[in-house]
Amino acid sequence: MRILLADDQAKVRFALRVLLEKQPDYEVCAEAVDTEGLMALIEADCPSVLLLAWELPGQKMEELLPALHEACPNLRVVALSGRPELRATALASGADTFVCKCDPPEGLLEIIARYRDGQAPS
């Protein structure tokens, strides 16, 4: 499963990469630090899953998500934020699911595994 990381914080991208690379069948295919770079990566090579920092610099998420889904219709977007109160906004804007950065990493891995297995996260 190909996963794209989009977060402007290098430490967060590093931690996600280390976590994901320990899992069988997961490949971090690219990393983006802003929405412009993210769109270019999505258009060049559509991954299976996007781990998207909700506060990623650039275009507003409400505008970005429809463009991401248009460029890559089967893309699953997992919105990430340290602010759990943004869950409803992220989901209403088109994210497939939301994970708080303060949650244990096992929850994120479970969501990705469910996408890999063709199931919707619970």
PDB file of N, CA and C in Angstrom:
ATOM      1  N   MET A   1       0.850  -1.170   0.000  1.00  0.00           N
ATOM      2  CA  MET A   1       0.000   0.000   0.000  1.00  0.00           C
ATOM      3  C   MET A   1       0.894   1.231   0.000  1.00  0.00           C
ATOM      4  N   ARG A   2       0.626   2.112  -0.932  1.00  0.00           N
ATOM      5  CA  ARG A   2       1.426   3.332  -1.086  1.00  0.00           C
ATOM      6  C   ARG A   2       0.778   4.471  -0.292  1.00  0.00           C
ATOM      7  N   ILE A   3       1.585   5.124   0.538  1.00  0.00           N
ATOM      8  CA  ILE A   3       1.092   6.160   1.440  1.00  0.00           C
ATOM      9  C   ILE A   3       1.895   7.432   1.237  1.00  0.00           C
ATOM     10  N   LEU A   4       1.201   8.544   1.092  1.00  0.00           N
ATOM     11  CA  LEU A   4       1.839   9.853   0.969  1.00  0.00           C
ATOM     12  C   LEU A   4       1.663  10.601   2.284  1.00  0.00           C
ATOM     13  N   LEU A   5       2.743  11.190   2.771  1.00  0.00           N
ATOM     14  CA  LEU A   5       2.714  11.979   4.010  1.00  0.00           C
ATOM     15  C   LEU A   5       2.692  13.457   3.658  1.00  0.00           C
ATOM     16  N   ALA A   6       1.794  14.210   4.258  1.00  0.00           N
ATOM     17  CA  ALA A   6       1.723  15.653   4.025  1.00  0.00           C
ATOM     18  C   ALA A   6       1.623  16.366   5.371  1.00  0.00           C
ATOM     19  N   ASP A   7       2.751  16.899   5.818  1.00  0.00           N
ATOM     20  CA  ASP A   7       2.817  17.623   7.083  1.00  0.00           C
ATOM     21  C   ASP A   7       3.990  18.581   6.990  1.00  0.00           C
ATOM     22  N   ASP A   8       3.827  19.791   7.479  1.00  0.00           N
ATOM     23  CA  ASP A   8       4.914  20.767   7.398  1.00  0.00           C
ATOM     24  C   ASP A   8       5.940  20.592   8.514  1.00  0.00           C
ATOM     25  N   GLN A   9       5.681  19.710   9.450  1.00  0.00           N
ATOM     26  CA  GLN A   9       6.613  19.473  10.556  1.00  0.00           C
ATOM     27  C   GLN A   9       7.471  18.244  10.243  1.00  0.00           C
ATOM     28  N   ALA A  10       8.772  18.472  10.094  1.00  0.00           N
ATOM     29  CA  ALA A  10       9.695  17.396   9.740  1.00  0.00           C
ATOM     30  C   ALA A  10       9.676  16.268  10.765  1.00  0.00           C
ATOM     31  N   LYS A  11       9.556  16.594  12.042  1.00  0.00           N
ATOM     32  CA  LYS A  11       9.557  15.561  13.086  1.00  0.00           C
ATOM     33  C   LYS A  11       8.324  14.666  12.975  1.00  0.00           C
ATOM     34  N   VAL A  12       7.205  15.240  12.619  1.00  0.00           N
ATOM     35  CA  VAL A  12       5.984  14.446  12.463  1.00  0.00           C
ATOM     36  C   VAL A  12       6.128  13.524  11.254  1.00  0.00           C
ATOM     37  N   ARG A  13       6.618  14.057  10.135  1.00  0.00           N
ATOM     38  CA  ARG A  13       6.813  13.219   8.945  1.00  0.00           C
ATOM     39  C   ARG A  13       7.781  12.076   9.251  1.00  0.00           C
ATOM     40  N   PHE A  14       8.860  12.378   9.959  1.00  0.00           N
ATOM     41  CA  PHE A  14       9.838  11.355  10.304  1.00  0.00           C
ATOM     42  C   PHE A  14       9.200  10.259  11.161  1.00  0.00           C
ATOM     43  N   ALA A  15       8.449  10.662  12.172  1.00  0.00           N
ATOM     44  CA  ALA A  15       7.814   9.690  13.065  1.00  0.00           C
ATOM     45  C   ALA A  15       6.823   8.819  12.301  1.00  0.00           C
ATOM     46  N   LEU A  16       6.030   9.426  11.422  1.00  0.00           N
ATOM     47  CA  LEU A  16       5.081   8.651  10.626  1.00  0.00           C
ATOM     48  C   LEU A  16       5.813   7.684   9.698  1.00  0.00           C
ATOM     49  N   ARG A  17       6.874   8.149   9.064  1.00  0.00           N
ATOM     50  CA  ARG A  17       7.640   7.297   8.155  1.00  0.00           C
ATOM     51  C   ARG A  17       8.201   6.090   8.915  1.00  0.00           C
ATOM     52  N   VAL A  18       8.812   6.325  10.066  1.00  0.00           N
ATOM     53  CA  VAL A  18       9.377   5.231  10.851  1.00  0.00           C
ATOM     54  C   VAL A  18       8.284   4.241  11.251  1.00  0.00           C
ATOM     55  N   LEU A  19       7.148   4.741  11.715  1.00  0.00           N
ATOM     56  CA  LEU A  19       6.036   3.880  12.107  1.00  0.00           C
ATOM     57  C   LEU A  19       5.555   3.030  10.932  1.00  0.00           C
ATOM     58  N   LEU A  20       5.371   3.660   9.781  1.00  0.00           N
ATOM     59  CA  LEU A  20       4.802   2.961   8.628  1.00  0.00           C
ATOM     60  C   LEU A  20       5.795   1.990   7.991  1.00  0.00           C
ATOM     61  N   GLU A  21       7.064   2.351   7.972  1.00  0.00           N
ATOM     62  CA  GLU A  21       8.051   1.486   7.325  1.00  0.00           C
ATOM     63  C   GLU A  21       8.294   0.204   8.118  1.00  0.00           C
ATOM     64  N   LYS A  22       7.854   0.162   9.370  1.00  0.00           N
ATOM     65  CA  LYS A  22       7.958  -1.059  10.173  1.00  0.00           C
ATOM     66  C   LYS A  22       6.835  -2.043   9.849  1.00  0.00           C
ATOM     67  N   GLN A  23       5.858  -1.592   9.084  1.00  0.00           N
ATOM     68  CA  GLN A  23       4.695  -2.422   8.769  1.00  0.00           C
ATOM     69  C   GLN A  23       4.908  -3.118   7.421  1.00  0.00           C
ATOM     70  N   PRO A  24       4.556  -4.402   7.340  1.00  0.00           N
ATOM     71  CA  PRO A  24       4.662  -5.078   6.044  1.00  0.00           C
ATOM     72  C   PRO A  24       3.658  -4.495   5.051  1.00  0.00           C
ATOM     73  N   ASP A  25       4.055  -4.425   3.837  1.00  0.00           N
ATOM     74  CA  ASP A  25       3.180  -3.994   2.735  1.00  0.00           C
ATOM     75  C   ASP A  25       2.865  -2.501   2.707  1.00  0.00           C
ATOM     76  N   TYR A  26       3.515  -1.694   3.542  1.00  0.00           N
ATOM     77  CA  TYR A  26       3.299  -0.247   3.500  1.00  0.00           C
ATOM     78  C   TYR A  26       4.541   0.414   2.929  1.00  0.00           C
ATOM     79  N   GLU A  27       4.318   1.335   2.007  1.00  0.00           N
ATOM     80  CA  GLU A  27       5.421   2.082   1.408  1.00  0.00           C
ATOM     81  C   GLU A  27       5.104   3.572   1.466  1.00  0.00           C
ATOM     82  N   VAL A  28       5.974   4.343   2.091  1.00  0.00           N
ATOM     83  CA  VAL A  28       5.830   5.801   2.049  1.00  0.00           C
ATOM     84  C   VAL A  28       6.420   6.232   0.718  1.00  0.00           C
ATOM     85  N   CYS A  29       5.552   6.664  -0.191  1.00  0.00           N
ATOM     86  CA  CYS A  29       5.989   6.956  -1.559  1.00  0.00           C
ATOM     87  C   CYS A  29       6.469   8.387  -1.735  1.00  0.00           C
ATOM     88  N   ALA A  30       6.043   9.299  -0.870  1.00  0.00           N
ATOM     89  CA  ALA A  30       6.458  10.695  -1.003  1.00  0.00           C
ATOM     90  C   ALA A  30       6.050  11.467   0.240  1.00  0.00           C
ATOM     91  N   GLU A  31       6.619  12.686   0.348  1.00  0.00           N
ATOM     92  CA  GLU A  31       6.293  13.587   1.448  1.00  0.00           C
ATOM     93  C   GLU A  31       6.089  14.989   0.889  1.00  0.00           C
ATOM     94  N   ALA A  32       5.102  15.679   1.437  1.00  0.00           N
ATOM     95  CA  ALA A  32       4.822  17.059   1.035  1.00  0.00           C
ATOM     96  C   ALA A  32       4.822  17.945   2.273  1.00  0.00           C
ATOM     97  N   VAL A  33       5.246  19.201   2.094  1.00  0.00           N
ATOM     98  CA  VAL A  33       5.291  20.150   3.207  1.00  0.00           C
ATOM     99  C   VAL A  33       4.286  21.286   3.052  1.00  0.00           C
ATOM    100  N   ASP A  34       3.607  21.341   1.885  1.00  0.00           N
ATOM    101  CA  ASP A  34       2.571  22.348   1.666  1.00  0.00           C
ATOM    102  C   ASP A  34       1.595  21.831   0.619  1.00  0.00           C
ATOM    103  N   THR A  35       0.484  22.541   0.437  1.00  0.00           N
ATOM    104  CA  THR A  35      -0.566  22.047  -0.458  1.00  0.00           C
ATOM    105  C   THR A  35      -0.144  22.082  -1.924  1.00  0.00           C
ATOM    106  N   GLU A  36       0.684  23.029  -2.301  1.00  0.00           N
ATOM    107  CA  GLU A  36       1.138  23.104  -3.695  1.00  0.00           C
ATOM    108  C   GLU A  36       1.967  21.866  -4.047  1.00  0.00           C
ATOM    109  N   GLY A  37       2.914  21.540  -3.195  1.00  0.00           N
ATOM    110  CA  GLY A  37       3.718  20.349  -3.415  1.00  0.00           C
ATOM    111  C   GLY A  37       2.883  19.082  -3.362  1.00  0.00           C
ATOM    112  N   LEU A  38       1.908  19.062  -2.472  1.00  0.00           N
ATOM    113  CA  LEU A  38       1.024  17.912  -2.349  1.00  0.00           C
ATOM    114  C   LEU A  38       0.261  17.675  -3.641  1.00  0.00           C
ATOM    115  N   MET A  39      -0.324  18.700  -4.212  1.00  0.00           N
ATOM    116  CA  MET A  39      -1.087  18.548  -5.455  1.00  0.00           C
ATOM    117  C   MET A  39      -0.201  18.019  -6.569  1.00  0.00           C
ATOM    118  N   ALA A  40       1.020  18.527  -6.660  1.00  0.00           N
ATOM    119  CA  ALA A  40       1.938  18.059  -7.699  1.00  0.00           C
ATOM    120  C   ALA A  40       2.239  16.568  -7.520  1.00  0.00           C
ATOM    121  N   LEU A  41       2.452  16.140  -6.292  1.00  0.00           N
ATOM    122  CA  LEU A  41       2.731  14.727  -6.030  1.00  0.00           C
ATOM    123  C   LEU A  41       1.524  13.846  -6.334  1.00  0.00           C
ATOM    124  N   ILE A  42       0.337  14.296  -5.969  1.00  0.00           N
ATOM    125  CA  ILE A  42      -0.889  13.530  -6.217  1.00  0.00           C
ATOM    126  C   ILE A  42      -1.120  13.393  -7.720  1.00  0.00           C
ATOM    127  N   GLU A  43      -0.930  14.479  -8.450  1.00  0.00           N
ATOM    128  CA  GLU A  43      -1.152  14.435  -9.898  1.00  0.00           C
ATOM    129  C   GLU A  43      -0.123  13.556 -10.602  1.00  0.00           C
ATOM    130  N   ALA A  44       1.105  13.506 -10.072  1.00  0.00           N
ATOM    131  CA  ALA A  44       2.158  12.710 -10.696  1.00  0.00           C
ATOM    132  C   ALA A  44       2.014  11.221 -10.407  1.00  0.00           C
ATOM    133  N   ASP A  45       1.540  10.879  -9.217  1.00  0.00           N
ATOM    134  CA  ASP A  45       1.506   9.477  -8.810  1.00  0.00           C
ATOM    135  C   ASP A  45       0.482   9.306  -7.697  1.00  0.00           C
ATOM    136  N   CYS A  46      -0.643   8.760  -8.028  1.00  0.00           N
ATOM    137  CA  CYS A  46      -1.749   8.638  -7.083  1.00  0.00           C
ATOM    138  C   CYS A  46      -1.497   7.517  -6.074  1.00  0.00           C
ATOM    139  N   PRO A  47      -1.309   7.864  -4.794  1.00  0.00           N
ATOM    140  CA  PRO A  47      -1.121   6.829  -3.774  1.00  0.00           C
ATOM    141  C   PRO A  47      -2.471   6.249  -3.337  1.00  0.00           C
ATOM    142  N   SER A  48      -2.409   5.251  -2.484  1.00  0.00           N
ATOM    143  CA  SER A  48      -3.631   4.655  -1.939  1.00  0.00           C
ATOM    144  C   SER A  48      -4.201   5.495  -0.808  1.00  0.00           C
ATOM    145  N   VAL A  49      -3.291   5.994   0.061  1.00  0.00           N
ATOM    146  CA  VAL A  49      -3.690   6.728   1.261  1.00  0.00           C
ATOM    147  C   VAL A  49      -2.864   7.993   1.383  1.00  0.00           C
ATOM    148  N   LEU A  50      -3.523   9.049   1.816  1.00  0.00           N
ATOM    149  CA  LEU A  50      -2.860  10.319   2.120  1.00  0.00           C
ATOM    150  C   LEU A  50      -3.054  10.609   3.602  1.00  0.00           C
ATOM    151  N   LEU A  51      -1.947  10.768   4.326  1.00  0.00           N
ATOM    152  CA  LEU A  51      -2.001  11.235   5.711  1.00  0.00           C
ATOM    153  C   LEU A  51      -1.774  12.727   5.658  1.00  0.00           C
ATOM    154  N   LEU A  52      -2.826  13.488   5.880  1.00  0.00           N
ATOM    155  CA  LEU A  52      -2.854  14.922   5.629  1.00  0.00           C
ATOM    156  C   LEU A  52      -2.988  15.730   6.909  1.00  0.00           C
ATOM    157  N   ALA A  53      -1.946  16.493   7.224  1.00  0.00           N
ATOM    158  CA  ALA A  53      -2.029  17.423   8.354  1.00  0.00           C
ATOM    159  C   ALA A  53      -3.071  18.481   8.015  1.00  0.00           C
ATOM    160  N   TRP A  54      -4.084  18.602   8.861  1.00  0.00           N
ATOM    161  CA  TRP A  54      -5.190  19.507   8.572  1.00  0.00           C
ATOM    162  C   TRP A  54      -4.730  20.958   8.498  1.00  0.00           C
ATOM    163  N   GLU A  55      -3.655  21.293   9.167  1.00  0.00           N
ATOM    164  CA  GLU A  55      -3.146  22.663   9.160  1.00  0.00           C
ATOM    165  C   GLU A  55      -2.030  22.855   8.132  1.00  0.00           C
ATOM    166  N   LEU A  56      -1.945  22.001   7.121  1.00  0.00           N
ATOM    167  CA  LEU A  56      -0.899  22.097   6.097  1.00  0.00           C
ATOM    168  C   LEU A  56      -0.957  23.472   5.418  1.00  0.00           C
ATOM    169  N   PRO A  57       0.187  24.155   5.321  1.00  0.00           N
ATOM    170  CA  PRO A  57       0.190  25.491   4.717  1.00  0.00           C
ATOM    171  C   PRO A  57      -0.232  25.475   3.249  1.00  0.00           C
ATOM    172  N   GLY A  58      -0.909  26.545   2.861  1.00  0.00           N
ATOM    173  CA  GLY A  58      -1.321  26.713   1.472  1.00  0.00           C
ATOM    174  C   GLY A  58      -2.821  26.841   1.343  1.00  0.00           C
ATOM    175  N   GLN A  59      -3.339  26.183   0.339  1.00  0.00           N
ATOM    176  CA  GLN A  59      -4.757  26.232   0.003  1.00  0.00           C
ATOM    177  C   GLN A  59      -5.627  25.753   1.165  1.00  0.00           C
ATOM    178  N   LYS A  60      -6.820  26.328   1.273  1.00  0.00           N
ATOM    179  CA  LYS A  60      -7.765  25.900   2.299  1.00  0.00           C
ATOM    180  C   LYS A  60      -8.190  24.463   2.043  1.00  0.00           C
ATOM    181  N   MET A  61      -8.315  23.698   3.118  1.00  0.00           N
ATOM    182  CA  MET A  61      -8.656  22.282   3.002  1.00  0.00           C
ATOM    183  C   MET A  61     -10.009  22.071   2.321  1.00  0.00           C
ATOM    184  N   GLU A  62     -10.950  22.968   2.560  1.00  0.00           N
ATOM    185  CA  GLU A  62     -12.273  22.848   1.952  1.00  0.00           C
ATOM    186  C   GLU A  62     -12.192  22.913   0.433  1.00  0.00           C
ATOM    187  N   GLU A  63     -11.173  23.586  -0.106  1.00  0.00           N
ATOM    188  CA  GLU A  63     -10.953  23.667  -1.548  1.00  0.00           C
ATOM    189  C   GLU A  63     -10.016  22.559  -2.025  1.00  0.00           C
ATOM    190  N   LEU A  64      -9.060  22.202  -1.191  1.00  0.00           N
ATOM    191  CA  LEU A  64      -8.046  21.216  -1.569  1.00  0.00           C
ATOM    192  C   LEU A  64      -8.628  19.814  -1.705  1.00  0.00           C
ATOM    193  N   LEU A  65      -9.456  19.390  -0.756  1.00  0.00           N
ATOM    194  CA  LEU A  65      -9.941  18.010  -0.764  1.00  0.00           C
ATOM    195  C   LEU A  65     -10.710  17.642  -2.026  1.00  0.00           C
ATOM    196  N   PRO A  66     -11.626  18.473  -2.516  1.00  0.00           N
ATOM    197  CA  PRO A  66     -12.282  18.120  -3.783  1.00  0.00           C
ATOM    198  C   PRO A  66     -11.286  17.999  -4.940  1.00  0.00           C
ATOM    199  N   ALA A  67     -10.281  18.857  -4.970  1.00  0.00           N
ATOM    200  CA  ALA A  67      -9.270  18.785  -6.027  1.00  0.00           C
ATOM    201  C   ALA A  67      -8.449  17.498  -5.914  1.00  0.00           C
ATOM    202  N   LEU A  68      -8.129  17.090  -4.691  1.00  0.00           N
ATOM    203  CA  LEU A  68      -7.396  15.835  -4.483  1.00  0.00           C
ATOM    204  C   LEU A  68      -8.204  14.646  -4.982  1.00  0.00           C
ATOM    205  N   HIS A  69      -9.490  14.613  -4.640  1.00  0.00           N
ATOM    206  CA  HIS A  69     -10.349  13.499  -5.053  1.00  0.00           C
ATOM    207  C   HIS A  69     -10.597  13.510  -6.559  1.00  0.00           C
ATOM    208  N   GLU A  70     -10.601  14.684  -7.155  1.00  0.00           N
ATOM    209  CA  GLU A  70     -10.761  14.758  -8.608  1.00  0.00           C
ATOM    210  C   GLU A  70      -9.516  14.209  -9.306  1.00  0.00           C
ATOM    211  N   ALA A  71      -8.340  14.578  -8.795  1.00  0.00           N
ATOM    212  CA  ALA A  71      -7.083  14.124  -9.392  1.00  0.00           C
ATOM    213  C   ALA A  71      -6.838  12.641  -9.148  1.00  0.00           C
ATOM    214  N   CYS A  72      -7.337  12.139  -8.037  1.00  0.00           N
ATOM    215  CA  CYS A  72      -7.081  10.748  -7.634  1.00  0.00           C
ATOM    216  C   CYS A  72      -8.356  10.196  -6.977  1.00  0.00           C
ATOM    217  N   PRO A  73      -9.313   9.729  -7.779  1.00  0.00           N
ATOM    218  CA  PRO A  73     -10.629   9.358  -7.259  1.00  0.00           C
ATOM    219  C   PRO A  73     -10.642   8.285  -6.172  1.00  0.00           C
ATOM    220  N   ASN A  74      -9.702   7.369  -6.161  1.00  0.00           N
ATOM    221  CA  ASN A  74      -9.708   6.287  -5.173  1.00  0.00           C
ATOM    222  C   ASN A  74      -8.870   6.598  -3.941  1.00  0.00           C
ATOM    223  N   LEU A  75      -8.340   7.792  -3.855  1.00  0.00           N
ATOM    224  CA  LEU A  75      -7.503   8.203  -2.733  1.00  0.00           C
ATOM    225  C   LEU A  75      -8.306   8.213  -1.433  1.00  0.00           C
ATOM    226  N   ARG A  76      -7.729   7.654  -0.382  1.00  0.00           N
ATOM    227  CA  ARG A  76      -8.310   7.713   0.948  1.00  0.00           C
ATOM    228  C   ARG A  76      -7.532   8.759   1.741  1.00  0.00           C
ATOM    229  N   VAL A  77      -8.233   9.747   2.261  1.00  0.00           N
ATOM    230  CA  VAL A  77      -7.607  10.855   2.976  1.00  0.00           C
ATOM    231  C   VAL A  77      -7.858  10.702   4.474  1.00  0.00           C
ATOM    232  N   VAL A  78      -6.762  10.605   5.216  1.00  0.00           N
ATOM    233  CA  VAL A  78      -6.826  10.572   6.672  1.00  0.00           C
ATOM    234  C   VAL A  78      -6.344  11.931   7.162  1.00  0.00           C
ATOM    235  N   ALA A  79      -7.251  12.732   7.676  1.00  0.00           N
ATOM    236  CA  ALA A  79      -6.898  14.048   8.212  1.00  0.00           C
ATOM    237  C   ALA A  79      -6.264  13.866   9.584  1.00  0.00           C
ATOM    238  N   LEU A  80      -5.163  14.568   9.804  1.00  0.00           N
ATOM    239  CA  LEU A  80      -4.442  14.508  11.073  1.00  0.00           C
ATOM    240  C   LEU A  80      -4.389  15.895  11.691  1.00  0.00           C
ATOM    241  N   SER A  81      -4.635  15.968  12.994  1.00  0.00           N
ATOM    242  CA  SER A  81      -4.521  17.241  13.692  1.00  0.00           C
ATOM    243  C   SER A  81      -4.357  16.982  15.177  1.00  0.00           C
ATOM    244  N   GLY A  82      -3.671  17.890  15.823  1.00  0.00           N
ATOM    245  CA  GLY A  82      -3.561  17.853  17.273  1.00  0.00           C
ATOM    246  C   GLY A  82      -4.768  18.477  17.945  1.00  0.00           C
ATOM    247  N   ARG A  83      -5.704  18.943  17.141  1.00  0.00           N
ATOM    248  CA  ARG A  83      -6.911  19.595  17.655  1.00  0.00           C
ATOM    249  C   ARG A  83      -8.130  18.728  17.349  1.00  0.00           C
ATOM    250  N   PRO A  84      -8.545  17.882  18.291  1.00  0.00           N
ATOM    251  CA  PRO A  84      -9.662  16.965  18.031  1.00  0.00           C
ATOM    252  C   PRO A  84     -10.966  17.660  17.680  1.00  0.00           C
ATOM    253  N   GLU A  85     -11.116  18.913  18.066  1.00  0.00           N
ATOM    254  CA  GLU A  85     -12.346  19.644  17.741  1.00  0.00           C
ATOM    255  C   GLU A  85     -12.506  19.899  16.239  1.00  0.00           C
ATOM    256  N   LEU A  86     -11.462  19.627  15.450  1.00  0.00           N
ATOM    257  CA  LEU A  86     -11.535  19.819  13.994  1.00  0.00           C
ATOM    258  C   LEU A  86     -12.093  18.598  13.263  1.00  0.00           C
ATOM    259  N   ARG A  87     -12.377  17.527  13.994  1.00  0.00           N
ATOM    260  CA  ARG A  87     -12.870  16.283  13.376  1.00  0.00           C
ATOM    261  C   ARG A  87     -14.084  16.531  12.471  1.00  0.00           C
ATOM    262  N   ALA A  88     -15.104  17.168  12.973  1.00  0.00           N
ATOM    263  CA  ALA A  88     -16.330  17.377  12.197  1.00  0.00           C
ATOM    264  C   ALA A  88     -16.057  18.208  10.943  1.00  0.00           C
ATOM    265  N   THR A  89     -15.244  19.236  11.076  1.00  0.00           N
ATOM    266  CA  THR A  89     -14.905  20.084   9.931  1.00  0.00           C
ATOM    267  C   THR A  89     -14.159  19.284   8.864  1.00  0.00           C
ATOM    268  N   ALA A  90     -13.199  18.478   9.290  1.00  0.00           N
ATOM    269  CA  ALA A  90     -12.420  17.673   8.343  1.00  0.00           C
ATOM    270  C   ALA A  90     -13.311  16.683   7.597  1.00  0.00           C
ATOM    271  N   LEU A  91     -14.163  16.001   8.320  1.00  0.00           N
ATOM    272  CA  LEU A  91     -15.045  15.020   7.693  1.00  0.00           C
ATOM    273  C   LEU A  91     -16.049  15.692   6.751  1.00  0.00           C
ATOM    274  N   ALA A  92     -16.584  16.834   7.172  1.00  0.00           N
ATOM    275  CA  ALA A  92     -17.536  17.566   6.324  1.00  0.00           C
ATOM    276  C   ALA A  92     -16.870  18.115   5.069  1.00  0.00           C
ATOM    277  N   SER A  93     -15.563  18.350   5.133  1.00  0.00           N
ATOM    278  CA  SER A  93     -14.819  18.900   3.989  1.00  0.00           C
ATOM    279  C   SER A  93     -14.386  17.831   2.999  1.00  0.00           C
ATOM    280  N   GLY A  94     -14.544  16.563   3.361  1.00  0.00           N
ATOM    281  CA  GLY A  94     -14.225  15.496   2.422  1.00  0.00           C
ATOM    282  C   GLY A  94     -13.156  14.517   2.855  1.00  0.00           C
ATOM    283  N   ALA A  95     -12.617  14.674   4.052  1.00  0.00           N
ATOM    284  CA  ALA A  95     -11.674  13.666   4.550  1.00  0.00           C
ATOM    285  C   ALA A  95     -12.437  12.373   4.800  1.00  0.00           C
ATOM    286  N   ASP A  96     -11.802  11.250   4.551  1.00  0.00           N
ATOM    287  CA  ASP A  96     -12.452   9.964   4.774  1.00  0.00           C
ATOM    288  C   ASP A  96     -12.507   9.607   6.248  1.00  0.00           C
ATOM    289  N   THR A  97     -11.497  10.022   6.983  1.00  0.00           N
ATOM    290  CA  THR A  97     -11.475   9.801   8.416  1.00  0.00           C
ATOM    291  C   THR A  97     -10.564  10.834   9.062  1.00  0.00           C
ATOM    292  N   PHE A  98     -10.603  10.883  10.377  1.00  0.00           N
ATOM    293  CA  PHE A  98      -9.829  11.864  11.144  1.00  0.00           C
ATOM    294  C   PHE A  98      -9.124  11.137  12.277  1.00  0.00           C
ATOM    295  N   VAL A  99      -7.849  11.483  12.478  1.00  0.00           N
ATOM    296  CA  VAL A  99      -7.078  10.932  13.585  1.00  0.00           C
ATOM    297  C   VAL A  99      -6.415  12.090  14.318  1.00  0.00           C
ATOM    298  N   CYS A 100      -6.586  12.107  15.618  1.00  0.00           N
ATOM    299  CA  CYS A 100      -5.918  13.124  16.419  1.00  0.00           C
ATOM    300  C   CYS A 100      -4.453  12.720  16.588  1.00  0.00           C
ATOM    301  N   LYS A 101      -3.561  13.657  16.402  1.00  0.00           N
ATOM    302  CA  LYS A 101      -2.135  13.389  16.556  1.00  0.00           C
ATOM    303  C   LYS A 101      -1.784  12.971  17.980  1.00  0.00           C
ATOM    304  N   CYS A 102      -2.664  13.241  18.922  1.00  0.00           N
ATOM    305  CA  CYS A 102      -2.408  12.869  20.314  1.00  0.00           C
ATOM    306  C   CYS A 102      -2.871  11.443  20.625  1.00  0.00           C
ATOM    307  N   ASP A 103      -3.562  10.787  19.693  1.00  0.00           N
ATOM    308  CA  ASP A 103      -4.012   9.417  19.895  1.00  0.00           C
ATOM    309  C   ASP A 103      -2.846   8.442  19.734  1.00  0.00           C
ATOM    310  N   PRO A 104      -2.936   7.257  20.336  1.00  0.00           N
ATOM    311  CA  PRO A 104      -1.890   6.240  20.157  1.00  0.00           C
ATOM    312  C   PRO A 104      -1.774   5.851  18.677  1.00  0.00           C
ATOM    313  N   PRO A 105      -0.569   5.544  18.207  1.00  0.00           N
ATOM    314  CA  PRO A 105      -0.367   5.236  16.788  1.00  0.00           C
ATOM    315  C   PRO A 105      -1.083   3.979  16.320  1.00  0.00           C
ATOM    316  N   GLU A 106      -1.432   3.092  17.227  1.00  0.00           N
ATOM    317  CA  GLU A 106      -2.135   1.861  16.842  1.00  0.00           C
ATOM    318  C   GLU A 106      -3.467   2.160  16.150  1.00  0.00           C
ATOM    319  N   GLY A 107      -4.126   3.238  16.550  1.00  0.00           N
ATOM    320  CA  GLY A 107      -5.385   3.616  15.910  1.00  0.00           C
ATOM    321  C   GLY A 107      -5.188   3.983  14.448  1.00  0.00           C
ATOM    322  N   LEU A 108      -4.149   4.730  14.164  1.00  0.00           N
ATOM    323  CA  LEU A 108      -3.839   5.105  12.780  1.00  0.00           C
ATOM    324  C   LEU A 108      -3.498   3.855  11.973  1.00  0.00           C
ATOM    325  N   LEU A 109      -2.698   2.981  12.535  1.00  0.00           N
ATOM    326  CA  LEU A 109      -2.335   1.750  11.826  1.00  0.00           C
ATOM    327  C   LEU A 109      -3.566   0.891  11.540  1.00  0.00           C
ATOM    328  N   GLU A 110      -4.499   0.854  12.477  1.00  0.00           N
ATOM    329  CA  GLU A 110      -5.728   0.085  12.269  1.00  0.00           C
ATOM    330  C   GLU A 110      -6.549   0.661  11.114  1.00  0.00           C
ATOM    331  N   ILE A 111      -6.638   1.966  11.051  1.00  0.00           N
ATOM    332  CA  ILE A 111      -7.381   2.613   9.963  1.00  0.00           C
ATOM    333  C   ILE A 111      -6.748   2.281   8.619  1.00  0.00           C
ATOM    334  N   ILE A 112      -5.439   2.404   8.527  1.00  0.00           N
ATOM    335  CA  ILE A 112      -4.745   2.115   7.268  1.00  0.00           C
ATOM    336  C   ILE A 112      -4.926   0.643   6.895  1.00  0.00           C
ATOM    337  N   ALA A 113      -4.859  -0.245   7.875  1.00  0.00           N
ATOM    338  CA  ALA A 113      -5.054  -1.676   7.615  1.00  0.00           C
ATOM    339  C   ALA A 113      -6.461  -1.952   7.082  1.00  0.00           C
ATOM    340  N   ARG A 114      -7.434  -1.256   7.609  1.00  0.00           N
ATOM    341  CA  ARG A 114      -8.803  -1.445   7.127  1.00  0.00           C
ATOM    342  C   ARG A 114      -8.926  -0.974   5.679  1.00  0.00           C
ATOM    343  N   TYR A 115      -8.288   0.126   5.324  1.00  0.00           N
ATOM    344  CA  TYR A 115      -8.282   0.564   3.925  1.00  0.00           C
ATOM    345  C   TYR A 115      -7.585  -0.468   3.052  1.00  0.00           C
ATOM    346  N   ARG A 116      -6.461  -1.002   3.528  1.00  0.00           N
ATOM    347  CA  ARG A 116      -5.720  -2.015   2.773  1.00  0.00           C
ATOM    348  C   ARG A 116      -6.604  -3.225   2.501  1.00  0.00           C
ATOM    349  N   ASP A 117      -7.414  -3.588   3.495  1.00  0.00           N
ATOM    350  CA  ASP A 117      -8.272  -4.751   3.391  1.00  0.00           C
ATOM    351  C   ASP A 117      -9.603  -4.463   2.694  1.00  0.00           C
ATOM    352  N   GLY A 118      -9.772  -3.239   2.194  1.00  0.00           N
ATOM    353  CA  GLY A 118     -10.982  -2.880   1.474  1.00  0.00           C
ATOM    354  C   GLY A 118     -12.175  -2.587   2.350  1.00  0.00           C
ATOM    355  N   GLN A 119     -11.925  -2.272   3.620  1.00  0.00           N
ATOM    356  CA  GLN A 119     -13.016  -1.985   4.558  1.00  0.00           C
ATOM    357  C   GLN A 119     -12.989  -0.494   4.921  1.00  0.00           C
ATOM    358  N   ALA A 120     -14.124   0.004   5.323  1.00  0.00           N
ATOM    359  CA  ALA A 120     -14.194   1.374   5.829  1.00  0.00           C
ATOM    360  C   ALA A 120     -13.827   1.364   7.311  1.00  0.00           C
ATOM    361  N   PRO A 121     -13.089   2.371   7.765  1.00  0.00           N
ATOM    362  CA  PRO A 121     -12.768   2.441   9.196  1.00  0.00           C
ATOM    363  C   PRO A 121     -14.038   2.559  10.027  1.00  0.00           C
ATOM    364  N   SER A 122     -14.013   1.977  11.201  1.00  0.00           N
ATOM    365  CA  SER A 122     -15.189   2.051  12.082  1.00  0.00           C
ATOM    366  C   SER A 122     -15.169   3.320  12.889  1.00  0.00           C
TER     367      SER A 122
END
